[in-house]
Amino acid sequence: MRSVSEIMTRGVRTMGPNDSIVIAAQAMKELDVGAVPVCDGDELVGMITDRDIVVRGVAEEHADKNTSVHDVMSSGIETCFEDDDVEETLNKMERNKIRRLAVLDHDKKLVGMLSLGDVAAKGGGQTDSTLSEISSPAEPDRSASSSASGSAGGGQTAKAGNEVPNQDIAESASATDQHDIPVANPDEAHSIAEGKAAQSDG
């Protein structure tokens, strides 16, 4: 049995709940990731993703430096413990349709992140079925009441028999997730071990 601690990514970059979403977006750009854990001191309080910024920030016209991470982040996120079994954790990711988990110690402090890429590259686990299940395409809301049916309602819809391929499924787990863990730059960002909130570039 392999434990999560054997293959997880350590030294993960975090944001503080009072940091600006602009700083969070800049961190994602710098690190080439789509999700960053949010910590209040040593306590994990949520996760902010690029989707959070778009859906809860930009779409709601709250995408400026005065909007805090707390305003758009996802709270109550799924986690695992560092001594959990890898295969059981992989099953948990499949059930919840998530690609990454925050990893805690038994004091509930964030010690790292586990992604499908970690499992594929270092865990030797079977990630194909998990990736396929997680990547099943969502059904968009095309109802007349959709707020995107006005000026934002352009684009094309694939016709039957000419579907747009699901790129998530086509990509391997390692290609999709190996760079999607926000590893801290020791010269510019705090690490989990320091238990600090993310620093502003300014």
N, C-alpha and C. Protein backbone atom coordinates (compact mmCIF):
# COMPACT_ATOMS: atom_id res chain seq x y z
N MET A 1 0.84 -1.20 0.00
CA MET A 1 0.00 0.00 0.00
C MET A 1 0.88 1.25 0.00
N ARG A 2 0.61 2.16 -0.91
CA ARG A 2 1.35 3.41 -0.97
C ARG A 2 0.50 4.51 -0.35
N SER A 3 1.15 5.38 0.42
CA SER A 3 0.44 6.47 1.06
C SER A 3 0.54 7.73 0.21
N VAL A 4 -0.39 8.63 0.43
CA VAL A 4 -0.43 9.89 -0.31
C VAL A 4 0.86 10.67 -0.12
N SER A 5 1.45 10.63 1.07
CA SER A 5 2.65 11.40 1.36
C SER A 5 3.83 11.00 0.47
N GLU A 6 3.81 9.79 -0.06
CA GLU A 6 4.91 9.30 -0.89
C GLU A 6 4.92 9.93 -2.28
N ILE A 7 3.76 10.39 -2.75
CA ILE A 7 3.70 10.89 -4.13
C ILE A 7 3.14 12.30 -4.26
N MET A 8 2.68 12.90 -3.17
CA MET A 8 2.07 14.22 -3.24
C MET A 8 3.13 15.29 -3.54
N THR A 9 2.69 16.46 -3.95
CA THR A 9 3.55 17.62 -4.18
C THR A 9 3.59 18.45 -2.91
N ARG A 10 4.80 18.74 -2.45
CA ARG A 10 4.97 19.54 -1.23
C ARG A 10 5.35 20.97 -1.58
N GLY A 11 5.44 21.83 -0.55
CA GLY A 11 5.85 23.21 -0.77
C GLY A 11 4.93 23.97 -1.68
N VAL A 12 3.64 23.84 -1.46
CA VAL A 12 2.63 24.40 -2.36
C VAL A 12 2.38 25.89 -2.08
N ARG A 13 2.26 26.65 -3.12
CA ARG A 13 1.92 28.08 -3.01
C ARG A 13 0.48 28.22 -2.54
N THR A 14 0.23 29.16 -1.65
CA THR A 14 -1.13 29.41 -1.18
C THR A 14 -1.46 30.89 -1.30
N MET A 15 -2.75 31.19 -1.18
CA MET A 15 -3.23 32.56 -1.11
C MET A 15 -3.90 32.76 0.24
N GLY A 16 -4.02 34.02 0.66
CA GLY A 16 -4.78 34.36 1.85
C GLY A 16 -6.17 34.80 1.46
N PRO A 17 -7.17 34.62 2.33
CA PRO A 17 -8.55 34.98 1.97
C PRO A 17 -8.73 36.47 1.67
N ASN A 18 -7.86 37.31 2.19
CA ASN A 18 -7.99 38.75 1.96
C ASN A 18 -7.16 39.24 0.79
N ASP A 19 -6.43 38.34 0.14
CA ASP A 19 -5.68 38.74 -1.05
C ASP A 19 -6.64 39.07 -2.18
N SER A 20 -6.21 39.92 -3.09
CA SER A 20 -7.02 40.28 -4.25
C SER A 20 -7.07 39.14 -5.26
N ILE A 21 -8.19 39.02 -5.95
CA ILE A 21 -8.27 38.00 -7.00
C ILE A 21 -7.31 38.32 -8.15
N VAL A 22 -6.90 39.58 -8.27
CA VAL A 22 -5.91 39.93 -9.29
C VAL A 22 -4.58 39.27 -8.94
N ILE A 23 -4.20 39.32 -7.66
CA ILE A 23 -2.97 38.67 -7.22
C ILE A 23 -3.08 37.16 -7.41
N ALA A 24 -4.26 36.61 -7.13
CA ALA A 24 -4.47 35.17 -7.32
C ALA A 24 -4.33 34.79 -8.79
N ALA A 25 -4.91 35.60 -9.68
CA ALA A 25 -4.81 35.32 -11.12
C ALA A 25 -3.37 35.45 -11.59
N GLN A 26 -2.64 36.43 -11.07
CA GLN A 26 -1.24 36.60 -11.44
C GLN A 26 -0.40 35.41 -10.97
N ALA A 27 -0.73 34.88 -9.78
CA ALA A 27 -0.03 33.70 -9.27
C ALA A 27 -0.29 32.50 -10.18
N MET A 28 -1.55 32.34 -10.61
CA MET A 28 -1.88 31.23 -11.51
C MET A 28 -1.13 31.36 -12.83
N LYS A 29 -1.04 32.59 -13.34
CA LYS A 29 -0.32 32.82 -14.60
C LYS A 29 1.16 32.50 -14.42
N GLU A 30 1.74 33.00 -13.33
CA GLU A 30 3.16 32.80 -13.07
C GLU A 30 3.51 31.32 -12.93
N LEU A 31 2.65 30.58 -12.22
CA LEU A 31 2.92 29.17 -11.93
C LEU A 31 2.33 28.23 -12.97
N ASP A 32 1.53 28.77 -13.89
CA ASP A 32 0.88 27.97 -14.93
C ASP A 32 -0.01 26.90 -14.32
N VAL A 33 -0.88 27.33 -13.39
CA VAL A 33 -1.80 26.42 -12.72
C VAL A 33 -3.21 26.99 -12.78
N GLY A 34 -4.19 26.17 -12.44
CA GLY A 34 -5.58 26.62 -12.47
C GLY A 34 -6.25 26.63 -11.12
N ALA A 35 -5.50 26.31 -10.05
CA ALA A 35 -6.08 26.27 -8.71
C ALA A 35 -5.00 26.52 -7.68
N VAL A 36 -5.35 27.29 -6.65
CA VAL A 36 -4.43 27.59 -5.56
C VAL A 36 -5.18 27.45 -4.24
N PRO A 37 -4.62 26.72 -3.26
CA PRO A 37 -5.27 26.59 -1.95
C PRO A 37 -5.31 27.94 -1.23
N VAL A 38 -6.32 28.13 -0.40
CA VAL A 38 -6.46 29.36 0.37
C VAL A 38 -6.31 29.02 1.85
N CYS A 39 -5.35 29.67 2.50
CA CYS A 39 -5.09 29.40 3.92
C CYS A 39 -5.20 30.68 4.74
N ASP A 40 -5.81 30.56 5.90
CA ASP A 40 -5.85 31.64 6.88
C ASP A 40 -4.88 31.23 7.97
N GLY A 41 -3.65 31.71 7.90
CA GLY A 41 -2.61 31.21 8.77
C GLY A 41 -2.27 29.78 8.37
N ASP A 42 -2.37 28.86 9.32
CA ASP A 42 -2.10 27.45 9.04
C ASP A 42 -3.35 26.69 8.62
N GLU A 43 -4.50 27.34 8.68
CA GLU A 43 -5.76 26.65 8.43
C GLU A 43 -6.18 26.76 6.97
N LEU A 44 -6.45 25.60 6.36
CA LEU A 44 -6.98 25.59 5.00
C LEU A 44 -8.45 25.98 5.05
N VAL A 45 -8.82 27.03 4.30
CA VAL A 45 -10.20 27.51 4.33
C VAL A 45 -10.90 27.37 2.98
N GLY A 46 -10.15 26.97 1.95
CA GLY A 46 -10.81 26.80 0.65
C GLY A 46 -9.81 26.68 -0.48
N MET A 47 -10.31 26.82 -1.68
CA MET A 47 -9.50 26.75 -2.90
C MET A 47 -10.03 27.80 -3.86
N ILE A 48 -9.13 28.49 -4.54
CA ILE A 48 -9.57 29.41 -5.59
C ILE A 48 -9.08 28.87 -6.92
N THR A 49 -9.98 28.82 -7.90
CA THR A 49 -9.65 28.31 -9.22
C THR A 49 -9.87 29.39 -10.26
N ASP A 50 -9.32 29.15 -11.44
CA ASP A 50 -9.56 30.09 -12.54
C ASP A 50 -11.06 30.17 -12.85
N ARG A 51 -11.77 29.06 -12.69
CA ARG A 51 -13.21 29.06 -12.93
C ARG A 51 -13.93 29.93 -11.89
N ASP A 52 -13.50 29.87 -10.63
CA ASP A 52 -14.09 30.72 -9.59
C ASP A 52 -13.97 32.20 -9.99
N ILE A 53 -12.79 32.58 -10.45
CA ILE A 53 -12.56 33.97 -10.82
C ILE A 53 -13.46 34.39 -11.98
N VAL A 54 -13.62 33.50 -12.96
CA VAL A 54 -14.45 33.82 -14.12
C VAL A 54 -15.94 33.86 -13.77
N VAL A 55 -16.42 32.78 -13.11
CA VAL A 55 -17.86 32.64 -12.86
C VAL A 55 -18.35 33.56 -11.74
N ARG A 56 -17.59 33.63 -10.65
CA ARG A 56 -18.05 34.44 -9.51
C ARG A 56 -17.47 35.84 -9.50
N GLY A 57 -16.44 36.06 -10.31
CA GLY A 57 -15.84 37.38 -10.38
C GLY A 57 -16.19 38.11 -11.65
N VAL A 58 -15.63 37.68 -12.77
CA VAL A 58 -15.84 38.38 -14.04
C VAL A 58 -17.31 38.40 -14.44
N ALA A 59 -17.97 37.23 -14.38
CA ALA A 59 -19.37 37.15 -14.83
C ALA A 59 -20.31 37.98 -13.95
N GLU A 60 -19.90 38.20 -12.71
CA GLU A 60 -20.72 39.01 -11.80
C GLU A 60 -20.22 40.46 -11.72
N GLU A 61 -19.30 40.80 -12.63
CA GLU A 61 -18.74 42.16 -12.72
C GLU A 61 -18.03 42.56 -11.43
N HIS A 62 -17.31 41.59 -10.85
CA HIS A 62 -16.53 41.87 -9.64
C HIS A 62 -15.07 41.47 -9.87
N ALA A 63 -14.56 41.78 -11.03
CA ALA A 63 -13.20 41.35 -11.36
C ALA A 63 -12.24 42.53 -11.29
N ASP A 64 -11.93 42.97 -10.08
CA ASP A 64 -10.95 44.04 -9.92
C ASP A 64 -10.14 43.80 -8.65
N LYS A 65 -9.19 44.65 -8.40
CA LYS A 65 -8.27 44.46 -7.28
C LYS A 65 -8.96 44.62 -5.92
N ASN A 66 -10.18 45.14 -5.91
CA ASN A 66 -10.91 45.29 -4.66
C ASN A 66 -11.71 44.05 -4.29
N THR A 67 -11.77 43.08 -5.19
CA THR A 67 -12.47 41.82 -4.90
C THR A 67 -11.48 40.85 -4.27
N SER A 68 -11.84 40.32 -3.11
CA SER A 68 -10.93 39.45 -2.38
C SER A 68 -11.11 37.99 -2.79
N VAL A 69 -10.09 37.21 -2.53
CA VAL A 69 -10.15 35.78 -2.77
C VAL A 69 -11.33 35.16 -2.04
N HIS A 70 -11.59 35.62 -0.83
CA HIS A 70 -12.70 35.09 -0.03
C HIS A 70 -14.03 35.25 -0.73
N ASP A 71 -14.18 36.31 -1.53
CA ASP A 71 -15.45 36.59 -2.20
C ASP A 71 -15.79 35.57 -3.28
N VAL A 72 -14.79 34.93 -3.86
CA VAL A 72 -15.06 34.04 -4.99
C VAL A 72 -14.59 32.61 -4.79
N MET A 73 -13.82 32.35 -3.74
CA MET A 73 -13.23 31.02 -3.57
C MET A 73 -14.28 29.95 -3.27
N SER A 74 -13.89 28.71 -3.45
CA SER A 74 -14.73 27.58 -3.09
C SER A 74 -14.33 27.11 -1.70
N SER A 75 -15.29 27.04 -0.79
CA SER A 75 -15.02 26.57 0.56
C SER A 75 -15.62 25.17 0.73
N GLY A 76 -15.34 24.53 1.85
CA GLY A 76 -15.85 23.19 2.09
C GLY A 76 -15.33 22.19 1.08
N ILE A 77 -14.07 22.33 0.68
CA ILE A 77 -13.51 21.48 -0.36
C ILE A 77 -13.15 20.10 0.17
N GLU A 78 -13.06 19.14 -0.75
CA GLU A 78 -12.63 17.80 -0.39
C GLU A 78 -11.14 17.78 -0.09
N THR A 79 -10.75 17.02 0.90
CA THR A 79 -9.34 16.88 1.27
C THR A 79 -9.02 15.41 1.53
N CYS A 80 -7.75 15.13 1.73
CA CYS A 80 -7.33 13.80 2.18
C CYS A 80 -6.21 13.98 3.19
N PHE A 81 -5.85 12.91 3.87
CA PHE A 81 -4.75 12.95 4.83
C PHE A 81 -3.50 12.37 4.20
N GLU A 82 -2.36 12.80 4.68
CA GLU A 82 -1.10 12.39 4.08
C GLU A 82 -0.83 10.89 4.23
N ASP A 83 -1.46 10.24 5.20
CA ASP A 83 -1.24 8.81 5.36
C ASP A 83 -2.37 7.96 4.75
N ASP A 84 -3.25 8.60 3.98
CA ASP A 84 -4.31 7.85 3.30
C ASP A 84 -3.70 6.98 2.19
N ASP A 85 -4.38 5.89 1.89
CA ASP A 85 -3.97 5.01 0.80
C ASP A 85 -4.23 5.68 -0.54
N VAL A 86 -3.29 5.56 -1.46
CA VAL A 86 -3.39 6.22 -2.77
C VAL A 86 -4.60 5.74 -3.56
N GLU A 87 -4.81 4.42 -3.60
CA GLU A 87 -5.92 3.89 -4.40
C GLU A 87 -7.27 4.34 -3.83
N GLU A 88 -7.40 4.37 -2.51
CA GLU A 88 -8.65 4.84 -1.90
C GLU A 88 -8.86 6.32 -2.20
N THR A 89 -7.77 7.07 -2.18
CA THR A 89 -7.86 8.50 -2.48
C THR A 89 -8.24 8.72 -3.94
N LEU A 90 -7.70 7.90 -4.83
CA LEU A 90 -8.05 7.98 -6.25
C LEU A 90 -9.53 7.70 -6.45
N ASN A 91 -10.07 6.73 -5.72
CA ASN A 91 -11.51 6.45 -5.79
C ASN A 91 -12.32 7.65 -5.31
N LYS A 92 -11.82 8.32 -4.29
CA LYS A 92 -12.50 9.51 -3.77
C LYS A 92 -12.52 10.62 -4.83
N MET A 93 -11.42 10.78 -5.54
CA MET A 93 -11.36 11.79 -6.60
C MET A 93 -12.35 11.46 -7.71
N GLU A 94 -12.46 10.18 -8.03
CA GLU A 94 -13.39 9.75 -9.08
C GLU A 94 -14.83 10.00 -8.66
N ARG A 95 -15.17 9.65 -7.41
CA ARG A 95 -16.54 9.84 -6.92
C ARG A 95 -16.95 11.31 -6.95
N ASN A 96 -16.00 12.17 -6.62
CA ASN A 96 -16.31 13.60 -6.51
C ASN A 96 -15.96 14.38 -7.78
N LYS A 97 -15.46 13.65 -8.80
CA LYS A 97 -15.13 14.27 -10.09
C LYS A 97 -14.17 15.46 -9.92
N ILE A 98 -13.08 15.21 -9.22
CA ILE A 98 -12.08 16.25 -9.01
C ILE A 98 -10.71 15.72 -9.41
N ARG A 99 -9.85 16.62 -9.87
CA ARG A 99 -8.53 16.25 -10.37
C ARG A 99 -7.43 16.40 -9.32
N ARG A 100 -7.72 17.11 -8.25
CA ARG A 100 -6.69 17.35 -7.25
C ARG A 100 -7.30 17.46 -5.87
N LEU A 101 -6.53 17.13 -4.87
CA LEU A 101 -6.98 17.21 -3.48
C LEU A 101 -5.93 17.91 -2.65
N ALA A 102 -6.39 18.74 -1.71
CA ALA A 102 -5.48 19.30 -0.71
C ALA A 102 -5.17 18.18 0.29
N VAL A 103 -3.92 18.10 0.70
CA VAL A 103 -3.48 17.05 1.63
C VAL A 103 -3.20 17.67 3.00
N LEU A 104 -3.81 17.10 4.03
CA LEU A 104 -3.66 17.60 5.39
C LEU A 104 -2.92 16.60 6.27
N ASP A 105 -2.30 17.13 7.35
CA ASP A 105 -1.83 16.23 8.39
C ASP A 105 -2.96 16.10 9.40
N HIS A 106 -2.74 15.35 10.46
CA HIS A 106 -3.84 15.10 11.39
C HIS A 106 -4.07 16.25 12.36
N ASP A 107 -3.30 17.33 12.20
CA ASP A 107 -3.60 18.59 12.90
C ASP A 107 -4.41 19.51 12.00
N LYS A 108 -4.84 18.96 10.85
CA LYS A 108 -5.65 19.68 9.85
C LYS A 108 -4.89 20.84 9.20
N LYS A 109 -3.57 20.71 9.14
CA LYS A 109 -2.75 21.71 8.47
C LYS A 109 -2.39 21.22 7.08
N LEU A 110 -2.38 22.15 6.13
CA LEU A 110 -2.07 21.81 4.75
C LEU A 110 -0.60 21.46 4.61
N VAL A 111 -0.32 20.29 4.04
CA VAL A 111 1.06 19.86 3.86
C VAL A 111 1.41 19.61 2.40
N GLY A 112 0.43 19.67 1.51
CA GLY A 112 0.72 19.44 0.10
C GLY A 112 -0.54 19.31 -0.73
N MET A 113 -0.35 18.92 -1.99
CA MET A 113 -1.46 18.69 -2.92
C MET A 113 -1.21 17.38 -3.65
N LEU A 114 -2.30 16.70 -3.97
CA LEU A 114 -2.22 15.47 -4.75
C LEU A 114 -3.06 15.65 -6.01
N SER A 115 -2.45 15.40 -7.18
CA SER A 115 -3.18 15.49 -8.44
C SER A 115 -3.15 14.15 -9.15
N LEU A 116 -3.98 14.02 -10.17
CA LEU A 116 -3.94 12.81 -11.00
C LEU A 116 -2.57 12.66 -11.65
N GLY A 117 -1.93 13.79 -11.95
CA GLY A 117 -0.60 13.74 -12.53
C GLY A 117 0.42 13.12 -11.58
N ASP A 118 0.29 13.44 -10.28
CA ASP A 118 1.17 12.83 -9.28
C ASP A 118 1.00 11.32 -9.27
N VAL A 119 -0.27 10.89 -9.32
CA VAL A 119 -0.56 9.45 -9.28
C VAL A 119 -0.02 8.77 -10.53
N ALA A 120 -0.22 9.39 -11.68
CA ALA A 120 0.23 8.80 -12.94
C ALA A 120 1.76 8.72 -13.01
N ALA A 121 2.42 9.79 -12.54
CA ALA A 121 3.87 9.86 -12.67
C ALA A 121 4.61 9.09 -11.60
N LYS A 122 4.05 9.07 -10.37
CA LYS A 122 4.80 8.49 -9.26
C LYS A 122 4.09 7.36 -8.52
N GLY A 123 2.78 7.28 -8.73
CA GLY A 123 2.03 6.32 -7.93
C GLY A 123 1.82 4.97 -8.57
N GLY A 124 1.98 4.89 -9.89
CA GLY A 124 1.77 3.62 -10.56
C GLY A 124 0.33 3.15 -10.52
N GLY A 125 -0.60 4.07 -10.21
CA GLY A 125 -2.01 3.70 -10.11
C GLY A 125 -2.69 3.72 -11.47
N GLN A 126 -3.89 3.19 -11.51
CA GLN A 126 -4.66 3.20 -12.75
C GLN A 126 -5.46 4.49 -12.81
N THR A 127 -5.01 5.45 -13.62
CA THR A 127 -5.67 6.75 -13.67
C THR A 127 -6.59 6.91 -14.87
N ASP A 128 -6.51 6.01 -15.86
CA ASP A 128 -7.29 6.19 -17.09
C ASP A 128 -8.79 6.26 -16.83
N SER A 129 -9.30 5.29 -16.07
CA SER A 129 -10.74 5.26 -15.81
C SER A 129 -11.17 6.44 -14.97
N THR A 130 -10.31 6.84 -14.02
CA THR A 130 -10.62 8.00 -13.17
C THR A 130 -10.68 9.26 -14.00
N LEU A 131 -9.69 9.45 -14.89
CA LEU A 131 -9.66 10.64 -15.74
C LEU A 131 -10.87 10.68 -16.64
N SER A 132 -11.25 9.53 -17.21
CA SER A 132 -12.40 9.48 -18.10
C SER A 132 -13.68 9.85 -17.35
N GLU A 133 -13.82 9.36 -16.12
CA GLU A 133 -15.01 9.64 -15.32
C GLU A 133 -15.07 11.11 -14.93
N ILE A 134 -13.94 11.66 -14.51
CA ILE A 134 -13.89 13.05 -14.09
C ILE A 134 -14.13 13.99 -15.27
N SER A 135 -13.67 13.58 -16.46
CA SER A 135 -13.72 14.45 -17.62
C SER A 135 -15.00 14.33 -18.44
N SER A 136 -16.00 13.61 -17.95
CA SER A 136 -17.25 13.50 -18.70
C SER A 136 -17.82 14.88 -18.92
N PRO A 137 -18.20 15.22 -20.16
CA PRO A 137 -18.58 16.59 -20.49
C PRO A 137 -19.84 17.04 -19.77
N ALA A 138 -19.82 18.30 -19.35
CA ALA A 138 -20.99 18.89 -18.70
C ALA A 138 -21.98 19.35 -19.76
N GLU A 139 -23.26 19.38 -19.39
CA GLU A 139 -24.30 19.84 -20.30
C GLU A 139 -24.53 21.33 -20.07
N PRO A 140 -24.24 22.19 -21.06
CA PRO A 140 -24.42 23.63 -20.86
C PRO A 140 -25.88 24.03 -20.74
N ASP A 141 -26.11 25.14 -20.05
CA ASP A 141 -27.45 25.67 -19.90
C ASP A 141 -27.81 26.49 -21.13
N ARG A 142 -28.71 25.96 -21.96
CA ARG A 142 -29.13 26.69 -23.16
C ARG A 142 -30.55 27.22 -23.03
N SER A 143 -31.02 27.34 -21.81
CA SER A 143 -32.39 27.82 -21.59
C SER A 143 -32.49 29.29 -21.98
N ALA A 144 -33.71 29.69 -22.27
CA ALA A 144 -33.94 31.07 -22.70
C ALA A 144 -33.60 32.06 -21.61
N SER A 145 -33.64 31.62 -20.35
CA SER A 145 -33.39 32.52 -19.23
C SER A 145 -31.91 32.67 -18.94
N SER A 146 -31.05 31.96 -19.67
CA SER A 146 -29.62 32.05 -19.43
C SER A 146 -29.15 33.48 -19.66
N SER A 147 -28.33 34.01 -18.74
CA SER A 147 -27.84 35.38 -18.87
C SER A 147 -26.89 35.54 -20.04
N ALA A 148 -26.40 34.41 -20.59
CA ALA A 148 -25.48 34.47 -21.73
C ALA A 148 -26.21 34.43 -23.06
N SER A 149 -27.54 34.50 -23.04
CA SER A 149 -28.29 34.38 -24.28
C SER A 149 -28.40 35.71 -25.02
N GLY A 150 -27.86 36.78 -24.42
CA GLY A 150 -27.89 38.08 -25.08
C GLY A 150 -26.66 38.27 -25.94
N SER A 151 -25.92 39.38 -25.65
CA SER A 151 -24.75 39.69 -26.47
C SER A 151 -23.65 38.65 -26.32
N ALA A 152 -23.68 37.88 -25.22
CA ALA A 152 -22.64 36.86 -25.01
C ALA A 152 -23.04 35.52 -25.59
N GLY A 153 -24.14 35.46 -26.29
CA GLY A 153 -24.66 34.18 -26.76
C GLY A 153 -24.17 33.77 -28.14
N GLY A 154 -23.04 34.32 -28.59
CA GLY A 154 -22.52 33.96 -29.91
C GLY A 154 -21.86 32.60 -29.91
N GLY A 155 -21.13 32.31 -30.98
CA GLY A 155 -20.45 31.03 -31.07
C GLY A 155 -21.28 30.01 -31.81
N GLN A 156 -20.78 28.76 -31.82
CA GLN A 156 -21.44 27.71 -32.56
C GLN A 156 -21.70 26.51 -31.69
N THR A 157 -22.72 25.78 -32.02
CA THR A 157 -23.02 24.53 -31.34
C THR A 157 -22.78 23.38 -32.31
N ALA A 158 -22.01 22.40 -31.89
CA ALA A 158 -21.71 21.28 -32.78
C ALA A 158 -22.98 20.53 -33.13
N LYS A 159 -23.12 20.17 -34.41
CA LYS A 159 -24.28 19.42 -34.84
C LYS A 159 -24.08 17.94 -34.55
N ALA A 160 -25.20 17.21 -34.50
CA ALA A 160 -25.13 15.78 -34.25
C ALA A 160 -24.26 15.12 -35.30
N GLY A 161 -23.37 14.23 -34.85
CA GLY A 161 -22.47 13.55 -35.77
C GLY A 161 -21.20 14.33 -36.05
N ASN A 162 -21.12 15.56 -35.49
CA ASN A 162 -19.93 16.38 -35.69
C ASN A 162 -19.52 17.01 -34.37
N GLU A 163 -19.54 16.20 -33.33
CA GLU A 163 -19.30 16.70 -32.00
C GLU A 163 -17.86 17.17 -31.85
N VAL A 164 -17.69 18.19 -31.00
CA VAL A 164 -16.35 18.64 -30.68
C VAL A 164 -15.73 17.64 -29.73
N PRO A 165 -14.54 17.13 -30.00
CA PRO A 165 -13.94 16.12 -29.13
C PRO A 165 -13.65 16.67 -27.75
N ASN A 166 -13.82 15.82 -26.76
CA ASN A 166 -13.54 16.20 -25.38
C ASN A 166 -12.04 16.13 -25.16
N GLN A 167 -11.38 17.27 -25.13
CA GLN A 167 -9.93 17.29 -25.02
C GLN A 167 -9.45 16.77 -23.67
N ASP A 168 -10.27 16.95 -22.63
CA ASP A 168 -9.87 16.46 -21.31
C ASP A 168 -9.63 14.97 -21.33
N ILE A 169 -10.51 14.23 -22.04
CA ILE A 169 -10.36 12.79 -22.08
C ILE A 169 -9.20 12.42 -22.98
N ALA A 170 -8.99 13.20 -24.05
CA ALA A 170 -7.92 12.87 -24.99
C ALA A 170 -6.55 13.04 -24.36
N GLU A 171 -6.42 13.98 -23.42
CA GLU A 171 -5.14 14.22 -22.79
C GLU A 171 -4.88 13.16 -21.73
N SER A 172 -3.63 12.84 -21.52
CA SER A 172 -3.29 11.90 -20.46
C SER A 172 -3.34 12.60 -19.13
N ALA A 173 -3.42 11.83 -18.05
CA ALA A 173 -3.49 12.42 -16.71
C ALA A 173 -2.24 13.24 -16.43
N SER A 174 -1.10 12.74 -16.80
CA SER A 174 0.13 13.46 -16.50
C SER A 174 0.22 14.75 -17.27
N ALA A 175 -0.20 14.74 -18.54
CA ALA A 175 -0.15 15.96 -19.35
C ALA A 175 -1.13 16.98 -18.84
N THR A 176 -2.25 16.53 -18.34
CA THR A 176 -3.29 17.45 -17.87
C THR A 176 -2.95 18.06 -16.53
N ASP A 177 -2.38 17.27 -15.63
CA ASP A 177 -2.28 17.70 -14.24
C ASP A 177 -0.89 17.89 -13.69
N GLN A 178 0.15 17.48 -14.39
CA GLN A 178 1.45 17.51 -13.76
C GLN A 178 1.92 18.93 -13.46
N HIS A 179 1.41 19.93 -14.19
CA HIS A 179 1.78 21.31 -13.94
C HIS A 179 0.67 22.08 -13.23
N ASP A 180 -0.33 21.39 -12.77
CA ASP A 180 -1.49 22.07 -12.19
C ASP A 180 -1.45 22.08 -10.67
N ILE A 181 -0.25 21.98 -10.10
CA ILE A 181 -0.07 22.11 -8.67
C ILE A 181 0.74 23.37 -8.42
N PRO A 182 0.22 24.29 -7.60
CA PRO A 182 0.87 25.59 -7.42
C PRO A 182 2.09 25.51 -6.51
N VAL A 183 3.23 25.05 -7.04
CA VAL A 183 4.45 24.94 -6.23
C VAL A 183 5.02 26.32 -6.00
N ALA A 184 5.37 26.59 -4.76
CA ALA A 184 5.83 27.92 -4.39
C ALA A 184 7.22 28.19 -4.92
N ASN A 185 7.45 29.43 -5.36
CA ASN A 185 8.78 29.92 -5.69
C ASN A 185 9.38 30.46 -4.40
N PRO A 186 10.45 29.87 -3.89
CA PRO A 186 10.97 30.27 -2.58
C PRO A 186 11.43 31.71 -2.53
N ASP A 187 11.73 32.32 -3.69
CA ASP A 187 12.17 33.71 -3.71
C ASP A 187 11.02 34.71 -3.70
N GLU A 188 9.84 34.25 -4.08
CA GLU A 188 8.73 35.18 -4.22
C GLU A 188 7.50 34.80 -3.41
N ALA A 189 7.34 33.55 -3.08
CA ALA A 189 6.11 33.11 -2.42
C ALA A 189 6.43 32.36 -1.16
N HIS A 190 5.51 32.38 -0.21
CA HIS A 190 5.66 31.61 1.01
C HIS A 190 5.36 30.16 0.72
N SER A 191 5.76 29.28 1.58
CA SER A 191 5.46 27.87 1.45
C SER A 191 4.48 27.46 2.52
N ILE A 192 3.93 26.27 2.39
CA ILE A 192 2.99 25.76 3.37
C ILE A 192 3.63 25.68 4.74
N ALA A 193 4.88 25.24 4.78
CA ALA A 193 5.53 25.05 6.06
C ALA A 193 5.63 26.34 6.85
N GLU A 194 5.70 27.51 6.13
CA GLU A 194 5.77 28.78 6.82
C GLU A 194 4.42 29.24 7.31
N GLY A 195 3.36 28.65 6.75
CA GLY A 195 1.99 28.97 7.19
C GLY A 195 1.61 30.41 6.99
N LYS A 196 2.14 31.04 5.95
CA LYS A 196 1.83 32.44 5.70
C LYS A 196 0.81 32.59 4.59
N ALA A 197 0.16 33.74 4.55
CA ALA A 197 -0.72 34.04 3.42
C ALA A 197 0.14 34.47 2.25
N ALA A 198 -0.39 34.33 1.01
CA ALA A 198 0.38 34.70 -0.18
C ALA A 198 0.68 36.18 -0.17
N GLN A 199 1.86 36.57 -0.65
CA GLN A 199 2.28 37.94 -0.60
C GLN A 199 1.90 38.68 -1.87
N SER A 200 1.58 39.94 -1.73
CA SER A 200 1.27 40.78 -2.89
C SER A 200 2.55 41.11 -3.64
N ASP A 201 2.47 41.11 -4.97
CA ASP A 201 3.64 41.45 -5.77
C ASP A 201 4.05 42.91 -5.58
N GLY A 202 3.08 43.73 -5.18
CA GLY A 202 3.36 45.14 -4.98
C GLY A 202 3.72 45.41 -3.58
